Amino acid sequence: YDKRMLNVLLKPTTCDKTIPFVHRKDCKI
């Protein structure tokens, strides 16, 4: 946080790709 850096991991889910791209807690990783 001092250097304003964040590294996150994203993986595919059971949900189909839709717009808008937001965090979807109903989808299973």
All heavy atoms as atom14 arrays in JSON, in Angstrom:
{
  "sequence": "YDKRMLNVLLKPTTCDKTIPFVHRKDCKI",
  "atom14_mask": [
    [1, 1, 1, 1, 1, 1, 1, 1, 1, 1, 1, 1, 0, 0],
    [1, 1, 1, 1, 1, 1, 1, 1, 0, 0, 0, 0, 0, 0],
    [1, 1, 1, 1, 1, 1, 1, 1, 1, 0, 0, 0, 0, 0],
    [1, 1, 1, 1, 1, 1, 1, 1, 1, 1, 1, 0, 0, 0],
    [1, 1, 1, 1, 1, 1, 1, 1, 0, 0, 0, 0, 0, 0],
    [1, 1, 1, 1, 1, 1, 1, 1, 0, 0, 0, 0, 0, 0],
    [1, 1, 1, 1, 1, 1, 1, 1, 0, 0, 0, 0, 0, 0],
    [1, 1, 1, 1, 1, 1, 1, 0, 0, 0, 0, 0, 0, 0],
    [1, 1, 1, 1, 1, 1, 1, 1, 0, 0, 0, 0, 0, 0],
    [1, 1, 1, 1, 1, 1, 1, 1, 0, 0, 0, 0, 0, 0],
    [1, 1, 1, 1, 1, 1, 1, 1, 1, 0, 0, 0, 0, 0],
    [1, 1, 1, 1, 1, 1, 1, 0, 0, 0, 0, 0, 0, 0],
    [1, 1, 1, 1, 1, 1, 1, 0, 0, 0, 0, 0, 0, 0],
    [1, 1, 1, 1, 1, 1, 1, 0, 0, 0, 0, 0, 0, 0],
    [1, 1, 1, 1, 1, 1, 0, 0, 0, 0, 0, 0, 0, 0],
    [1, 1, 1, 1, 1, 1, 1, 1, 0, 0, 0, 0, 0, 0],
    [1, 1, 1, 1, 1, 1, 1, 1, 1, 0, 0, 0, 0, 0],
    [1, 1, 1, 1, 1, 1, 1, 0, 0, 0, 0, 0, 0, 0],
    [1, 1, 1, 1, 1, 1, 1, 1, 0, 0, 0, 0, 0, 0],
    [1, 1, 1, 1, 1, 1, 1, 0, 0, 0, 0, 0, 0, 0],
    [1, 1, 1, 1, 1, 1, 1, 1, 1, 1, 1, 0, 0, 0],
    [1, 1, 1, 1, 1, 1, 1, 0, 0, 0, 0, 0, 0, 0],
    [1, 1, 1, 1, 1, 1, 1, 1, 1, 1, 0, 0, 0, 0],
    [1, 1, 1, 1, 1, 1, 1, 1, 1, 1, 1, 0, 0, 0],
    [1, 1, 1, 1, 1, 1, 1, 1, 1, 0, 0, 0, 0, 0],
    [1, 1, 1, 1, 1, 1, 1, 1, 0, 0, 0, 0, 0, 0],
    [1, 1, 1, 1, 1, 1, 0, 0, 0, 0, 0, 0, 0, 0],
    [1, 1, 1, 1, 1, 1, 1, 1, 1, 0, 0, 0, 0, 0],
    [1, 1, 1, 1, 1, 1, 1, 1, 0, 0, 0, 0, 0, 0]
  ],
  "atom14_positions": [
    [[0.81, -1.21, 0.0], [0.0, 0.0, 0.0], [0.85, 1.26, 0.0], [0.41, 2.3, -0.49], [-1.0, -0.02, 1.17], [-2.02, -1.11, 0.98], [-1.95, -2.3, 1.7], [-3.03, -0.99, 0.03], [-2.88, -3.31, 1.5], [-3.96, -1.99, -0.18], [-3.88, -3.14, 0.55], [-4.79, -4.14, 0.35], [0.0, 0.0, 0.0], [0.0, 0.0, 0.0]],
    [[2.1, 1.2, 0.5], [2.98, 2.36, 0.44], [3.33, 2.7, -1.0], [3.48, 3.86, -1.35], [4.28, 2.1, 1.23], [4.02, 2.03, 2.73], [3.01, 2.61, 3.19], [4.82, 1.38, 3.43], [0.0, 0.0, 0.0], [0.0, 0.0, 0.0], [0.0, 0.0, 0.0], [0.0, 0.0, 0.0], [0.0, 0.0, 0.0], [0.0, 0.0, 0.0]],
    [[3.49, 1.69, -1.82], [3.83, 1.91, -3.23], [2.6, 1.9, -4.13], [2.71, 1.93, -5.34], [4.82, 0.84, -3.71], [6.15, 0.94, -3.0], [7.21, 0.2, -3.75], [8.54, 0.28, -3.07], [9.15, 1.57, -3.1], [0.0, 0.0, 0.0], [0.0, 0.0, 0.0], [0.0, 0.0, 0.0], [0.0, 0.0, 0.0], [0.0, 0.0, 0.0]],
    [[1.41, 1.81, -3.51], [0.13, 1.78, -4.23], [0.11, 0.66, -5.26], [-0.16, 0.87, -6.43], [-0.14, 3.14, -4.86], [-0.37, 4.22, -3.84], [-0.63, 5.59, -4.39], [-1.36, 5.62, -5.65], [-1.13, 6.5, -6.61], [-0.22, 7.41, -6.46], [-1.84, 6.48, -7.71], [0.0, 0.0, 0.0], [0.0, 0.0, 0.0], [0.0, 0.0, 0.0]],
    [[0.41, -0.57, -4.8], [0.46, -1.74, -5.67], [-0.41, -2.84, -5.09], [-0.4, -3.08, -3.89], [1.9, -2.23, -5.81], [2.11, -3.38, -6.79], [1.81, -5.03, -6.17], [3.01, -5.2, -4.9], [0.0, 0.0, 0.0], [0.0, 0.0, 0.0], [0.0, 0.0, 0.0], [0.0, 0.0, 0.0], [0.0, 0.0, 0.0], [0.0, 0.0, 0.0]],
    [[-1.19, -3.48, -5.98], [-2.03, -4.6, -5.58], [-2.0, -5.62, -6.7], [-2.19, -5.29, -7.87], [-3.47, -4.13, -5.34], [-4.45, -5.15, -4.79], [-4.08, -5.5, -3.34], [-5.87, -4.63, -4.83], [0.0, 0.0, 0.0], [0.0, 0.0, 0.0], [0.0, 0.0, 0.0], [0.0, 0.0, 0.0], [0.0, 0.0, 0.0], [0.0, 0.0, 0.0]],
    [[-1.75, -6.89, -6.36], [-1.71, -7.98, -7.33], [-2.81, -8.96, -6.96], [-2.8, -9.51, -5.86], [-0.32, -8.66, -7.29], [-0.2, -9.78, -8.29], [-1.03, -9.95, -9.17], [0.85, -10.55, -8.16], [0.0, 0.0, 0.0], [0.0, 0.0, 0.0], [0.0, 0.0, 0.0], [0.0, 0.0, 0.0], [0.0, 0.0, 0.0], [0.0, 0.0, 0.0]],
    [[-3.78, -9.16, -7.87], [-4.91, -10.04, -7.59], [-4.97, -11.19, -8.6], [-4.49, -11.07, -9.72], [-6.26, -9.27, -7.6], [-6.29, -8.22, -6.53], [-6.54, -8.66, -8.96], [0.0, 0.0, 0.0], [0.0, 0.0, 0.0], [0.0, 0.0, 0.0], [0.0, 0.0, 0.0], [0.0, 0.0, 0.0], [0.0, 0.0, 0.0], [0.0, 0.0, 0.0]],
    [[-5.54, -12.31, -8.15], [-5.71, -13.49, -8.98], [-7.17, -13.61, -9.39], [-8.07, -13.49, -8.55], [-5.29, -14.75, -8.2], [-5.52, -16.08, -8.88], [-4.68, -16.21, -10.15], [-5.2, -17.22, -7.92], [0.0, 0.0, 0.0], [0.0, 0.0, 0.0], [0.0, 0.0, 0.0], [0.0, 0.0, 0.0], [0.0, 0.0, 0.0], [0.0, 0.0, 0.0]],
    [[-7.4, -13.84, -10.68], [-8.74, -14.05, -11.21], [-8.77, -15.39, -11.93], [-7.81, -15.76, -12.6], [-9.12, -12.93, -12.18], [-9.16, -11.56, -11.51], [-8.05, -10.7, -12.05], [-10.48, -10.91, -11.7], [0.0, 0.0, 0.0], [0.0, 0.0, 0.0], [0.0, 0.0, 0.0], [0.0, 0.0, 0.0], [0.0, 0.0, 0.0], [0.0, 0.0, 0.0]],
    [[-9.89, -16.11, -11.77], [-10.06, -17.41, -12.41], [-11.43, -17.48, -13.06], [-12.35, -16.75, -12.68], [-9.93, -18.54, -11.38], [-8.53, -18.71, -10.81], [-8.47, -19.9, -9.88], [-7.07, -20.09, -9.33], [-7.0, -21.28, -8.46], [0.0, 0.0, 0.0], [0.0, 0.0, 0.0], [0.0, 0.0, 0.0], [0.0, 0.0, 0.0], [0.0, 0.0, 0.0]],
    [[-11.58, -18.4, -14.03], [-12.89, -18.58, -14.67], [-13.92, -19.1, -13.67], [-13.58, -19.75, -12.69], [-12.63, -19.63, -15.75], [-11.16, -19.67, -15.93], [-10.56, -19.24, -14.63], [0.0, 0.0, 0.0], [0.0, 0.0, 0.0], [0.0, 0.0, 0.0], [0.0, 0.0, 0.0], [0.0, 0.0, 0.0], [0.0, 0.0, 0.0], [0.0, 0.0, 0.0]],
    [[-15.17, -18.8, -13.97], [-16.27, -19.23, -13.11], [-17.24, -20.1, -13.92], [-17.06, -20.3, -15.12], [-17.05, -18.02, -12.56], [-17.66, -17.34, -13.66], [-16.14, -17.07, -11.8], [0.0, 0.0, 0.0], [0.0, 0.0, 0.0], [0.0, 0.0, 0.0], [0.0, 0.0, 0.0], [0.0, 0.0, 0.0], [0.0, 0.0, 0.0], [0.0, 0.0, 0.0]],
    [[-18.28, -20.56, -13.25], [-19.32, -21.34, -13.92], [-20.26, -20.46, -14.72], [-21.04, -20.96, -15.53], [-20.14, -22.13, -12.88], [-20.64, -21.21, -11.9], [-19.29, -23.19, -12.2], [0.0, 0.0, 0.0], [0.0, 0.0, 0.0], [0.0, 0.0, 0.0], [0.0, 0.0, 0.0], [0.0, 0.0, 0.0], [0.0, 0.0, 0.0], [0.0, 0.0, 0.0]],
    [[-20.2, -19.14, -14.52], [-21.09, -18.22, -15.21], [-20.55, -17.86, -16.59], [-19.34, -17.75, -16.79], [-21.26, -16.93, -14.41], [-22.06, -17.17, -12.81], [0.0, 0.0, 0.0], [0.0, 0.0, 0.0], [0.0, 0.0, 0.0], [0.0, 0.0, 0.0], [0.0, 0.0, 0.0], [0.0, 0.0, 0.0], [0.0, 0.0, 0.0], [0.0, 0.0, 0.0]],
    [[-21.46, -17.64, -17.52], [-21.08, -17.19, -18.85], [-20.61, -15.74, -18.79], [-21.02, -14.98, -17.91], [-22.26, -17.31, -19.82], [-22.61, -18.76, -20.12], [-21.69, -19.61, -20.07], [-23.79, -19.03, -20.41], [0.0, 0.0, 0.0], [0.0, 0.0, 0.0], [0.0, 0.0, 0.0], [0.0, 0.0, 0.0], [0.0, 0.0, 0.0], [0.0, 0.0, 0.0]],
    [[-19.76, -15.38, -19.72], [-19.22, -14.03, -19.8], [-20.35, -13.08, -20.21], [-21.01, -13.29, -21.22], [-18.1, -14.01, -20.83], [-17.4, -12.69, -20.98], [-16.25, -12.84, -21.97], [-15.69, -11.52, -22.35], [-14.6, -11.65, -23.31], [0.0, 0.0, 0.0], [0.0, 0.0, 0.0], [0.0, 0.0, 0.0], [0.0, 0.0, 0.0], [0.0, 0.0, 0.0]],
    [[-20.59, -12.08, -19.39], [-21.62, -11.08, -19.68], [-21.08, -9.7, -19.33], [-20.1, -9.56, -18.61], [-22.9, -11.32, -18.85], [-22.56, -11.27, -17.46], [-23.54, -12.65, -19.17], [0.0, 0.0, 0.0], [0.0, 0.0, 0.0], [0.0, 0.0, 0.0], [0.0, 0.0, 0.0], [0.0, 0.0, 0.0], [0.0, 0.0, 0.0], [0.0, 0.0, 0.0]],
    [[-21.75, -8.69, -19.83], [-21.4, -7.31, -19.51], [-22.48, -6.79, -18.59], [-23.66, -7.07, -18.81], [-21.32, -6.48, -20.8], [-20.18, -7.0, -21.67], [-21.11, -5.01, -20.5], [-20.04, -6.35, -23.02], [0.0, 0.0, 0.0], [0.0, 0.0, 0.0], [0.0, 0.0, 0.0], [0.0, 0.0, 0.0], [0.0, 0.0, 0.0], [0.0, 0.0, 0.0]],
    [[-22.24, -6.03, -17.56], [-20.94, -5.46, -17.18], [-20.07, -6.48, -16.44], [-20.58, -7.43, -15.85], [-21.32, -4.31, -16.24], [-22.59, -4.76, -15.6], [-23.3, -5.57, -16.66], [0.0, 0.0, 0.0], [0.0, 0.0, 0.0], [0.0, 0.0, 0.0], [0.0, 0.0, 0.0], [0.0, 0.0, 0.0], [0.0, 0.0, 0.0], [0.0, 0.0, 0.0]],
    [[-18.78, -6.25, -16.5], [-17.83, -7.12, -15.82], [-17.68, -6.64, -14.39], [-17.02, -5.63, -14.13], [-16.48, -7.1, -16.53], [-16.55, -7.51, -17.97], [-16.12, -6.67, -18.97], [-17.06, -8.75, -18.33], [-16.16, -7.06, -20.29], [-17.12, -9.14, -19.66], [-16.67, -8.29, -20.64], [0.0, 0.0, 0.0], [0.0, 0.0, 0.0], [0.0, 0.0, 0.0]],
    [[-18.29, -7.34, -13.48], [-18.23, -6.99, -12.05], [-18.04, -8.27, -11.25], [-18.2, -9.37, -11.77], [-19.51, -6.26, -11.58], [-19.64, -4.9, -12.22], [-20.74, -7.1, -11.85], [0.0, 0.0, 0.0], [0.0, 0.0, 0.0], [0.0, 0.0, 0.0], [0.0, 0.0, 0.0], [0.0, 0.0, 0.0], [0.0, 0.0, 0.0], [0.0, 0.0, 0.0]],
    [[-17.73, -8.1, -9.98], [-17.62, -9.25, -9.07], [-19.0, -9.88, -8.94], [-19.98, -9.21, -8.63], [-17.09, -8.78, -7.72], [-16.99, -9.89, -6.72], [-16.15, -10.96, -6.89], [-17.63, -10.09, -5.55], [-16.27, -11.78, -5.85], [-17.16, -11.27, -5.03], [0.0, 0.0, 0.0], [0.0, 0.0, 0.0], [0.0, 0.0, 0.0], [0.0, 0.0, 0.0]],
    [[-19.07, -11.18, -9.2], [-20.35, -11.89, -9.15], [-20.24, -13.03, -8.15], [-19.71, -14.08, -8.45], [-20.71, -12.42, -10.53], [-20.94, -11.29, -11.53], [-21.13, -11.78, -12.94], [-22.26, -12.69, -13.05], [-22.53, -13.37, -14.15], [-21.77, -13.25, -15.21], [-23.55, -14.18, -14.19], [0.0, 0.0, 0.0], [0.0, 0.0, 0.0], [0.0, 0.0, 0.0]],
    [[-20.76, -12.8, -6.95], [-20.65, -13.8, -5.89], [-21.53, -15.02, -6.13], [-21.35, -16.04, -5.48], [-20.92, -13.17, -4.52], [-22.27, -12.53, -4.37], [-22.38, -11.85, -3.04], [-23.65, -11.04, -2.96], [-23.7, -10.22, -1.81], [0.0, 0.0, 0.0], [0.0, 0.0, 0.0], [0.0, 0.0, 0.0], [0.0, 0.0, 0.0], [0.0, 0.0, 0.0]],
    [[-22.46, -14.95, -7.08], [-23.3, -16.1, -7.39], [-22.6, -17.13, -8.27], [-23.08, -18.24, -8.46], [-24.61, -15.64, -8.06], [-24.36, -14.87, -9.35], [-23.5, -13.96, -9.34], [-25.02, -15.16, -10.36], [0.0, 0.0, 0.0], [0.0, 0.0, 0.0], [0.0, 0.0, 0.0], [0.0, 0.0, 0.0], [0.0, 0.0, 0.0], [0.0, 0.0, 0.0]],
    [[-21.42, -16.77, -8.81], [-20.67, -17.67, -9.7], [-19.66, -18.48, -8.9], [-18.97, -17.95, -8.04], [-19.93, -16.86, -10.76], [-21.02, -15.86, -11.78], [0.0, 0.0, 0.0], [0.0, 0.0, 0.0], [0.0, 0.0, 0.0], [0.0, 0.0, 0.0], [0.0, 0.0, 0.0], [0.0, 0.0, 0.0], [0.0, 0.0, 0.0], [0.0, 0.0, 0.0]],
    [[-19.54, -19.75, -9.21], [-18.57, -20.63, -8.55], [-17.26, -20.6, -9.33], [-17.24, -20.7, -10.55], [-19.09, -22.07, -8.51], [-20.4, -22.22, -7.78], [-20.17, -22.55, -6.33], [-21.47, -22.9, -5.65], [-21.95, -21.89, -4.77], [0.0, 0.0, 0.0], [0.0, 0.0, 0.0], [0.0, 0.0, 0.0], [0.0, 0.0, 0.0], [0.0, 0.0, 0.0]],
    [[-16.15, -20.47, -8.6], [-14.82, -20.46, -9.21], [-14.47, -21.87, -9.68], [-14.69, -22.85, -8.97], [-13.76, -19.96, -8.19], [-14.07, -18.53, -7.75], [-12.35, -20.08, -8.75], [-13.94, -17.48, -8.83], [0.0, 0.0, 0.0], [0.0, 0.0, 0.0], [0.0, 0.0, 0.0], [0.0, 0.0, 0.0], [0.0, 0.0, 0.0], [0.0, 0.0, 0.0]]
  ]
}
